[in-house]
Amino acid sequence: MKKDAYYFPHDSNARNDEKILFLRSKFGLQGYGMYWVLIELMHESQNSWLSIALVQGIAHQYGMDKEQIEAFLELCFEIDLFVQEDGKYTSIRVLRNKDVREEKKTLRSKAGKIGMASRWNNNVITEDNTPITEYNKGKEIKGKEIKVKEINIPFDVFWVDYDKKVGDRIKLSKKWDNLSDEERIKAIEHIKVYKLAVEDKQFRKNPETYLNNKSWNDEIINRTFATGNTSEQRIDRLKNWVNS
């Protein structure tokens, strides 16, 4: 295995997942193998997304027809194993796996700096892990300190889950990143219920409005009429009352 290969968790009972079972019923073990090939490619991709237009190369590499791959992807989109956007596709689980990896990487880096500072009698440790001691103090490279904010849930998860892709994505991504960790968690949980209450996406708030108003704090009002309360039924009841 290559030194830079990335490990990701693979559940030992993944083959029994209902979506995977359905996939296997259509494409057999070849489909099961292709699913994990694509998951590996997504993990290897820098941004976790693969291009639909380039499936010919994948088909050639693994001895499948382009039409087979395209039909395979359509089924994966249909049963929510993969999500697609702007001619590309990925897996929500892959996005979360890589987010967890970055978080662990950051924590290990911090732990390493703490250990190094302890070994160097609590001297300051620079970004390139060089300790600043009384012998080299003042010789360190001067410049602005760059701080990278850690995001517990990446914007792509919100963008795909909300499923109303309107507005300036870059601007929306900045708004999402400026939320607190707790707000992002609340938003993702709220969206699940909100989409059930407002199934037709044209009636959902635009993503920018949702974020600006912090709508995850709003009460969910189910707009679905109760049984027997359609307009026609109300008119019939009114007629019966008048004639009684």
C-alpha atoms as a PDB file:
ATOM      1  CA  MET A   1       0.000   0.000   0.000  1.00  0.00           C
ATOM      2  CA  LYS A   2       1.309   3.451  -0.896  1.00  0.00           C
ATOM      3  CA  LYS A   3       2.474   5.651   1.936  1.00  0.00           C
ATOM      4  CA  ASP A   4      -0.006   8.399   0.981  1.00  0.00           C
ATOM      5  CA  ALA A   5      -2.968   5.971   0.639  1.00  0.00           C
ATOM      6  CA  TYR A   6      -5.897   7.040   2.803  1.00  0.00           C
ATOM      7  CA  TYR A   7      -7.612   4.573   5.132  1.00  0.00           C
ATOM      8  CA  PHE A   8     -11.382   4.834   5.456  1.00  0.00           C
ATOM      9  CA  PRO A   9     -13.817   2.664   7.468  1.00  0.00           C
ATOM     10  CA  HIS A  10     -15.617  -0.175   5.665  1.00  0.00           C
ATOM     11  CA  ASP A  11     -18.418  -1.776   7.676  1.00  0.00           C
ATOM     12  CA  SER A  12     -18.073  -5.559   7.760  1.00  0.00           C
ATOM     13  CA  ASN A  13     -21.815  -5.948   7.073  1.00  0.00           C
ATOM     14  CA  ALA A  14     -22.027  -3.341   4.303  1.00  0.00           C
ATOM     15  CA  ARG A  15     -23.100  -6.075   1.864  1.00  0.00           C
ATOM     16  CA  ASN A  16     -26.368  -6.447   3.830  1.00  0.00           C
ATOM     17  CA  ASP A  17     -27.397  -2.778   3.672  1.00  0.00           C
ATOM     18  CA  GLU A  18     -30.827  -2.566   1.972  1.00  0.00           C
ATOM     19  CA  LYS A  19     -29.568  -0.152  -0.685  1.00  0.00           C
ATOM     20  CA  ILE A  20     -26.547  -2.338  -1.417  1.00  0.00           C
ATOM     21  CA  LEU A  21     -28.781  -5.420  -1.619  1.00  0.00           C
ATOM     22  CA  PHE A  22     -30.965  -3.623  -4.167  1.00  0.00           C
ATOM     23  CA  LEU A  23     -27.855  -2.601  -6.104  1.00  0.00           C
ATOM     24  CA  ARG A  24     -26.620  -6.193  -6.123  1.00  0.00           C
ATOM     25  CA  SER A  25     -30.028  -7.438  -7.311  1.00  0.00           C
ATOM     26  CA  LYS A  26     -29.576  -5.299 -10.430  1.00  0.00           C
ATOM     27  CA  PHE A  27     -25.824  -5.554 -11.090  1.00  0.00           C
ATOM     28  CA  GLY A  28     -24.667  -8.553  -9.064  1.00  0.00           C
ATOM     29  CA  LEU A  29     -21.262  -8.720  -7.395  1.00  0.00           C
ATOM     30  CA  GLN A  30     -19.798  -6.713 -10.276  1.00  0.00           C
ATOM     31  CA  GLY A  31     -21.978  -3.788  -9.168  1.00  0.00           C
ATOM     32  CA  TYR A  32     -20.914  -4.285  -5.546  1.00  0.00           C
ATOM     33  CA  GLY A  33     -17.277  -4.178  -6.603  1.00  0.00           C
ATOM     34  CA  MET A  34     -17.825  -1.110  -8.779  1.00  0.00           C
ATOM     35  CA  TYR A  35     -19.491   0.698  -5.856  1.00  0.00           C
ATOM     36  CA  TRP A  36     -16.371   0.285  -3.704  1.00  0.00           C
ATOM     37  CA  VAL A  37     -14.081   1.196  -6.609  1.00  0.00           C
ATOM     38  CA  LEU A  38     -15.905   4.516  -6.953  1.00  0.00           C
ATOM     39  CA  ILE A  39     -15.857   5.075  -3.182  1.00  0.00           C
ATOM     40  CA  GLU A  40     -12.063   4.605  -3.246  1.00  0.00           C
ATOM     41  CA  LEU A  41     -11.724   7.025  -6.182  1.00  0.00           C
ATOM     42  CA  MET A  42     -13.798   9.624  -4.310  1.00  0.00           C
ATOM     43  CA  HIS A  43     -11.515   9.325  -1.293  1.00  0.00           C
ATOM     44  CA  GLU A  44      -8.488   9.745  -3.558  1.00  0.00           C
ATOM     45  CA  SER A  45      -9.978  12.799  -5.300  1.00  0.00           C
ATOM     46  CA  GLN A  46      -8.784  16.086  -3.819  1.00  0.00           C
ATOM     47  CA  ASN A  47     -12.312  17.508  -3.577  1.00  0.00           C
ATOM     48  CA  SER A  48     -14.126  14.127  -3.242  1.00  0.00           C
ATOM     49  CA  TRP A  49     -16.150  14.638  -6.462  1.00  0.00           C
ATOM     50  CA  LEU A  50     -15.918  12.625  -9.721  1.00  0.00           C
ATOM     51  CA  SER A  51     -16.978  13.775 -13.187  1.00  0.00           C
ATOM     52  CA  ILE A  52     -19.917  12.070 -14.886  1.00  0.00           C
ATOM     53  CA  ALA A  53     -18.451  13.049 -18.272  1.00  0.00           C
ATOM     54  CA  LEU A  54     -15.309  10.975 -17.610  1.00  0.00           C
ATOM     55  CA  VAL A  55     -16.956   7.619 -16.875  1.00  0.00           C
ATOM     56  CA  GLN A  56     -15.544   6.254 -20.155  1.00  0.00           C
ATOM     57  CA  GLY A  57     -12.065   6.194 -18.589  1.00  0.00           C
ATOM     58  CA  ILE A  58     -13.350   4.306 -15.516  1.00  0.00           C
ATOM     59  CA  ALA A  59     -15.227   1.845 -17.732  1.00  0.00           C
ATOM     60  CA  HIS A  60     -12.078   1.157 -19.767  1.00  0.00           C
ATOM     61  CA  GLN A  61      -9.909   0.791 -16.662  1.00  0.00           C
ATOM     62  CA  TYR A  62     -12.181  -1.824 -15.066  1.00  0.00           C
ATOM     63  CA  GLY A  63     -13.404  -3.670 -18.150  1.00  0.00           C
ATOM     64  CA  MET A  64     -16.997  -2.398 -18.254  1.00  0.00           C
ATOM     65  CA  ASP A  65     -19.074  -0.724 -20.958  1.00  0.00           C
ATOM     66  CA  LYS A  66     -19.735   2.990 -20.663  1.00  0.00           C
ATOM     67  CA  GLU A  67     -23.477   2.264 -20.804  1.00  0.00           C
ATOM     68  CA  GLN A  68     -23.136  -0.125 -17.859  1.00  0.00           C
ATOM     69  CA  ILE A  69     -21.420   2.524 -15.749  1.00  0.00           C
ATOM     70  CA  GLU A  70     -24.004   5.161 -16.680  1.00  0.00           C
ATOM     71  CA  ALA A  71     -26.895   2.821 -15.794  1.00  0.00           C
ATOM     72  CA  PHE A  72     -25.086   1.911 -12.550  1.00  0.00           C
ATOM     73  CA  LEU A  73     -24.704   5.590 -11.598  1.00  0.00           C
ATOM     74  CA  GLU A  74     -28.351   6.360 -12.398  1.00  0.00           C
ATOM     75  CA  LEU A  75     -29.430   3.658  -9.953  1.00  0.00           C
ATOM     76  CA  CYS A  76     -27.013   4.957  -7.302  1.00  0.00           C
ATOM     77  CA  PHE A  77     -28.520   8.441  -7.688  1.00  0.00           C
ATOM     78  CA  GLU A  78     -32.040   7.040  -7.552  1.00  0.00           C
ATOM     79  CA  ILE A  79     -31.531   5.196  -4.242  1.00  0.00           C
ATOM     80  CA  ASP A  80     -29.342   7.946  -2.701  1.00  0.00           C
ATOM     81  CA  LEU A  81     -26.086   5.993  -2.560  1.00  0.00           C
ATOM     82  CA  PHE A  82     -24.521   8.887  -4.485  1.00  0.00           C
ATOM     83  CA  VAL A  83     -25.503  12.532  -5.008  1.00  0.00           C
ATOM     84  CA  GLN A  84     -24.905  14.570  -8.157  1.00  0.00           C
ATOM     85  CA  GLU A  85     -24.436  18.251  -8.875  1.00  0.00           C
ATOM     86  CA  ASP A  86     -23.171  20.262 -11.864  1.00  0.00           C
ATOM     87  CA  GLY A  87     -22.066  17.176 -13.802  1.00  0.00           C
ATOM     88  CA  LYS A  88     -20.216  15.634 -10.851  1.00  0.00           C
ATOM     89  CA  TYR A  89     -21.080  13.055  -8.207  1.00  0.00           C
ATOM     90  CA  THR A  90     -19.942  11.959  -4.758  1.00  0.00           C
ATOM     91  CA  SER A  91     -21.064  10.200  -1.578  1.00  0.00           C
ATOM     92  CA  ILE A  92     -22.181  12.062   1.559  1.00  0.00           C
ATOM     93  CA  ARG A  93     -20.387   9.425   3.613  1.00  0.00           C
ATOM     94  CA  VAL A  94     -17.122  10.130   1.782  1.00  0.00           C
ATOM     95  CA  LEU A  95     -17.452  13.849   2.543  1.00  0.00           C
ATOM     96  CA  ARG A  96     -17.970  13.076   6.228  1.00  0.00           C
ATOM     97  CA  ASN A  97     -15.111  10.552   6.317  1.00  0.00           C
ATOM     98  CA  LYS A  98     -12.674  13.118   4.924  1.00  0.00           C
ATOM     99  CA  ASP A  99     -13.943  15.789   7.301  1.00  0.00           C
ATOM    100  CA  VAL A 100     -13.274  13.463  10.259  1.00  0.00           C
ATOM    101  CA  ARG A 101      -9.810  12.725   8.853  1.00  0.00           C
ATOM    102  CA  GLU A 102      -8.953  16.443   8.703  1.00  0.00           C
ATOM    103  CA  GLU A 103     -10.208  16.935  12.252  1.00  0.00           C
ATOM    104  CA  LYS A 104      -8.025  14.072  13.529  1.00  0.00           C
ATOM    105  CA  LYS A 105      -5.072  15.422  11.562  1.00  0.00           C
ATOM    106  CA  THR A 106      -5.476  18.821  13.214  1.00  0.00           C
ATOM    107  CA  LEU A 107      -5.762  17.277  16.679  1.00  0.00           C
ATOM    108  CA  ARG A 108      -2.607  15.189  16.115  1.00  0.00           C
ATOM    109  CA  SER A 109      -0.746  18.291  14.970  1.00  0.00           C
ATOM    110  CA  LYS A 110      -1.794  20.192  18.083  1.00  0.00           C
ATOM    111  CA  ALA A 111      -0.808  17.264  20.305  1.00  0.00           C
ATOM    112  CA  GLY A 112       2.572  17.089  18.596  1.00  0.00           C
ATOM    113  CA  LYS A 113       3.224  20.791  19.176  1.00  0.00           C
ATOM    114  CA  ILE A 114       2.274  20.452  22.841  1.00  0.00           C
ATOM    115  CA  GLY A 115       4.688  17.538  23.210  1.00  0.00           C
ATOM    116  CA  MET A 116       7.457  19.426  21.415  1.00  0.00           C
ATOM    117  CA  ALA A 117       6.883  22.531  23.537  1.00  0.00           C
ATOM    118  CA  SER A 118       7.206  20.352  26.651  1.00  0.00           C
ATOM    119  CA  ARG A 119      10.496  18.895  25.415  1.00  0.00           C
ATOM    120  CA  TRP A 120      11.795  22.408  24.682  1.00  0.00           C
ATOM    121  CA  ASN A 121      10.822  23.766  28.083  1.00  0.00           C
ATOM    122  CA  ASN A 122       7.550  25.367  26.865  1.00  0.00           C
ATOM    123  CA  ASN A 123       9.194  27.471  24.155  1.00  0.00           C
ATOM    124  CA  VAL A 124       6.946  28.670  21.306  1.00  0.00           C
ATOM    125  CA  ILE A 125       6.655  26.245  18.381  1.00  0.00           C
ATOM    126  CA  THR A 126       6.307  27.772  14.906  1.00  0.00           C
ATOM    127  CA  GLU A 127       4.077  26.479  12.074  1.00  0.00           C
ATOM    128  CA  ASP A 128       6.979  24.478  10.622  1.00  0.00           C
ATOM    129  CA  ASN A 129       7.554  22.858  14.062  1.00  0.00           C
ATOM    130  CA  THR A 130      10.700  24.897  14.790  1.00  0.00           C
ATOM    131  CA  PRO A 131      11.083  25.802  18.483  1.00  0.00           C
ATOM    132  CA  ILE A 132      11.906  29.443  19.238  1.00  0.00           C
ATOM    133  CA  THR A 133      14.546  29.469  21.952  1.00  0.00           C
ATOM    134  CA  GLU A 134      16.771  32.129  23.469  1.00  0.00           C
ATOM    135  CA  TYR A 135      19.360  31.225  20.821  1.00  0.00           C
ATOM    136  CA  ASN A 136      17.230  31.836  17.743  1.00  0.00           C
ATOM    137  CA  LYS A 137      14.642  34.283  19.085  1.00  0.00           C
ATOM    138  CA  GLY A 138      14.203  37.153  16.657  1.00  0.00           C
ATOM    139  CA  LYS A 139      15.417  35.116  13.677  1.00  0.00           C
ATOM    140  CA  GLU A 140      12.061  33.498  12.964  1.00  0.00           C
ATOM    141  CA  ILE A 141      10.303  34.549   9.784  1.00  0.00           C
ATOM    142  CA  LYS A 142       7.987  37.438  10.496  1.00  0.00           C
ATOM    143  CA  GLY A 143       4.596  37.470   8.855  1.00  0.00           C
ATOM    144  CA  LYS A 144       0.905  37.285   9.475  1.00  0.00           C
ATOM    145  CA  GLU A 145      -0.291  34.294  11.433  1.00  0.00           C
ATOM    146  CA  ILE A 146      -2.642  32.230   9.306  1.00  0.00           C
ATOM    147  CA  LYS A 147      -5.479  30.619  11.181  1.00  0.00           C
ATOM    148  CA  VAL A 148      -7.678  28.053   9.472  1.00  0.00           C
ATOM    149  CA  LYS A 149     -11.113  27.682  10.999  1.00  0.00           C
ATOM    150  CA  GLU A 150     -12.133  24.104  11.636  1.00  0.00           C
ATOM    151  CA  ILE A 151     -15.559  23.242  10.195  1.00  0.00           C
ATOM    152  CA  ASN A 152     -17.356  20.293  11.830  1.00  0.00           C
ATOM    153  CA  ILE A 153     -19.792  19.839   8.899  1.00  0.00           C
ATOM    154  CA  PRO A 154     -18.609  20.948   5.431  1.00  0.00           C
ATOM    155  CA  PHE A 155     -20.780  23.222   3.291  1.00  0.00           C
ATOM    156  CA  ASP A 156     -21.242  20.489   0.661  1.00  0.00           C
ATOM    157  CA  VAL A 157     -23.269  18.444   3.161  1.00  0.00           C
ATOM    158  CA  PHE A 158     -25.694  21.365   3.694  1.00  0.00           C
ATOM    159  CA  TRP A 159     -25.829  22.141  -0.051  1.00  0.00           C
ATOM    160  CA  VAL A 160     -26.750  18.573  -0.978  1.00  0.00           C
ATOM    161  CA  ASP A 161     -29.109  17.918   1.956  1.00  0.00           C
ATOM    162  CA  TYR A 162     -31.084  21.163   1.509  1.00  0.00           C
ATOM    163  CA  ASP A 163     -31.602  20.299  -2.168  1.00  0.00           C
ATOM    164  CA  LYS A 164     -32.505  23.754  -3.478  1.00  0.00           C
ATOM    165  CA  LYS A 165     -29.436  24.888  -5.372  1.00  0.00           C
ATOM    166  CA  VAL A 166     -30.073  28.610  -5.927  1.00  0.00           C
ATOM    167  CA  GLY A 167     -27.906  31.579  -4.989  1.00  0.00           C
ATOM    168  CA  ASP A 168     -24.210  32.415  -4.941  1.00  0.00           C
ATOM    169  CA  ARG A 169     -22.554  29.221  -3.734  1.00  0.00           C
ATOM    170  CA  ILE A 170     -19.315  30.948  -2.661  1.00  0.00           C
ATOM    171  CA  LYS A 171     -21.231  33.554  -0.654  1.00  0.00           C
ATOM    172  CA  LEU A 172     -23.420  30.865   0.918  1.00  0.00           C
ATOM    173  CA  SER A 173     -20.372  28.772   1.784  1.00  0.00           C
ATOM    174  CA  LYS A 174     -18.884  31.705   3.723  1.00  0.00           C
ATOM    175  CA  LYS A 175     -22.161  32.188   5.624  1.00  0.00           C
ATOM    176  CA  TRP A 176     -22.186  28.476   6.490  1.00  0.00           C
ATOM    177  CA  ASP A 177     -18.568  28.532   7.662  1.00  0.00           C
ATOM    178  CA  ASN A 178     -19.318  31.534   9.898  1.00  0.00           C
ATOM    179  CA  LEU A 179     -21.917  29.562  11.866  1.00  0.00           C
ATOM    180  CA  SER A 180     -20.981  27.880  15.127  1.00  0.00           C
ATOM    181  CA  ASP A 181     -20.547  24.106  15.280  1.00  0.00           C
ATOM    182  CA  GLU A 182     -23.790  23.844  17.261  1.00  0.00           C
ATOM    183  CA  GLU A 183     -25.706  25.897  14.685  1.00  0.00           C
ATOM    184  CA  ARG A 184     -24.491  23.717  11.822  1.00  0.00           C
ATOM    185  CA  ILE A 185     -25.574  20.561  13.656  1.00  0.00           C
ATOM    186  CA  LYS A 186     -29.011  22.072  14.410  1.00  0.00           C
ATOM    187  CA  ALA A 187     -29.423  23.146  10.780  1.00  0.00           C
ATOM    188  CA  ILE A 188     -28.705  19.674   9.371  1.00  0.00           C
ATOM    189  CA  GLU A 189     -31.111  18.036  11.840  1.00  0.00           C
ATOM    190  CA  HIS A 190     -33.794  20.675  11.125  1.00  0.00           C
ATOM    191  CA  ILE A 191     -33.503  20.277   7.353  1.00  0.00           C
ATOM    192  CA  LYS A 192     -34.545  16.614   7.560  1.00  0.00           C
ATOM    193  CA  VAL A 193     -37.886  17.572   9.150  1.00  0.00           C
ATOM    194  CA  TYR A 194     -38.299  20.771   7.123  1.00  0.00           C
ATOM    195  CA  LYS A 195     -38.079  18.842   3.818  1.00  0.00           C
ATOM    196  CA  LEU A 196     -40.796  16.447   4.988  1.00  0.00           C
ATOM    197  CA  ALA A 197     -43.072  19.385   5.823  1.00  0.00           C
ATOM    198  CA  VAL A 198     -42.308  21.212   2.555  1.00  0.00           C
ATOM    199  CA  GLU A 199     -41.722  18.441   0.030  1.00  0.00           C
ATOM    200  CA  ASP A 200     -42.012  20.695  -3.038  1.00  0.00           C
ATOM    201  CA  LYS A 201     -38.651  22.498  -3.108  1.00  0.00           C
ATOM    202  CA  GLN A 202     -40.076  25.536  -4.938  1.00  0.00           C
ATOM    203  CA  PHE A 203     -41.931  26.461  -1.748  1.00  0.00           C
ATOM    204  CA  ARG A 204     -38.883  26.079   0.499  1.00  0.00           C
ATOM    205  CA  LYS A 205     -36.934  29.143   1.536  1.00  0.00           C
ATOM    206  CA  ASN A 206     -33.925  29.920  -0.604  1.00  0.00           C
ATOM    207  CA  PRO A 207     -30.686  28.756   1.076  1.00  0.00           C
ATOM    208  CA  GLU A 208     -29.569  32.360   1.667  1.00  0.00           C
ATOM    209  CA  THR A 209     -32.846  33.204   3.429  1.00  0.00           C
ATOM    210  CA  TYR A 210     -32.631  30.011   5.468  1.00  0.00           C
ATOM    211  CA  LEU A 211     -29.122  30.854   6.661  1.00  0.00           C
ATOM    212  CA  ASN A 212     -29.704  34.598   7.187  1.00  0.00           C
ATOM    213  CA  ASN A 213     -32.828  33.983   9.305  1.00  0.00           C
ATOM    214  CA  LYS A 214     -31.298  31.018  11.134  1.00  0.00           C
ATOM    215  CA  SER A 215     -34.487  29.176  10.248  1.00  0.00           C
ATOM    216  CA  TRP A 216     -33.410  26.011  12.064  1.00  0.00           C
ATOM    217  CA  ASN A 217     -34.761  27.760  15.164  1.00  0.00           C
ATOM    218  CA  ASP A 218     -38.241  28.094  13.617  1.00  0.00           C
ATOM    219  CA  GLU A 219     -41.154  25.842  14.473  1.00  0.00           C
ATOM    220  CA  ILE A 220     -42.027  23.348  11.740  1.00  0.00           C
ATOM    221  CA  ILE A 221     -45.614  23.860  10.598  1.00  0.00           C
ATOM    222  CA  ASN A 222     -46.997  20.953   8.615  1.00  0.00           C
ATOM    223  CA  ARG A 223     -48.966  22.443   5.753  1.00  0.00           C
ATOM    224  CA  THR A 224     -50.522  19.140   4.706  1.00  0.00           C
ATOM    225  CA  PHE A 225     -54.309  19.231   5.077  1.00  0.00           C
ATOM    226  CA  ALA A 226     -55.801  16.734   7.482  1.00  0.00           C
ATOM    227  CA  THR A 227     -57.923  13.939   6.000  1.00  0.00           C
ATOM    228  CA  GLY A 228     -61.377  15.226   5.201  1.00  0.00           C
ATOM    229  CA  ASN A 229     -60.323  18.868   5.058  1.00  0.00           C
ATOM    230  CA  THR A 230     -59.837  19.416   1.333  1.00  0.00           C
ATOM    231  CA  SER A 231     -61.641  22.416  -0.138  1.00  0.00           C
ATOM    232  CA  GLU A 232     -64.160  20.171  -1.951  1.00  0.00           C
ATOM    233  CA  GLN A 233     -65.012  18.312   1.262  1.00  0.00           C
ATOM    234  CA  ARG A 234     -65.478  21.561   3.173  1.00  0.00           C
ATOM    235  CA  ILE A 235     -67.875  22.822   0.480  1.00  0.00           C
ATOM    236  CA  ASP A 236     -69.855  19.557   0.632  1.00  0.00           C
ATOM    237  CA  ARG A 237     -70.167  19.851   4.397  1.00  0.00           C
ATOM    238  CA  LEU A 238     -71.349  23.447   4.045  1.00  0.00           C
ATOM    239  CA  LYS A 239     -74.020  22.412   1.496  1.00  0.00           C
ATOM    240  CA  ASN A 240     -75.238  19.627   3.774  1.00  0.00           C
ATOM    241  CA  TRP A 241     -75.487  22.065   6.674  1.00  0.00           C
ATOM    242  CA  VAL A 242     -77.497  24.588   4.584  1.00  0.00           C
ATOM    243  CA  ASN A 243     -79.923  21.893   3.371  1.00  0.00           C
ATOM    244  CA  SER A 244     -80.395  20.286   6.767  1.00  0.00           C
END
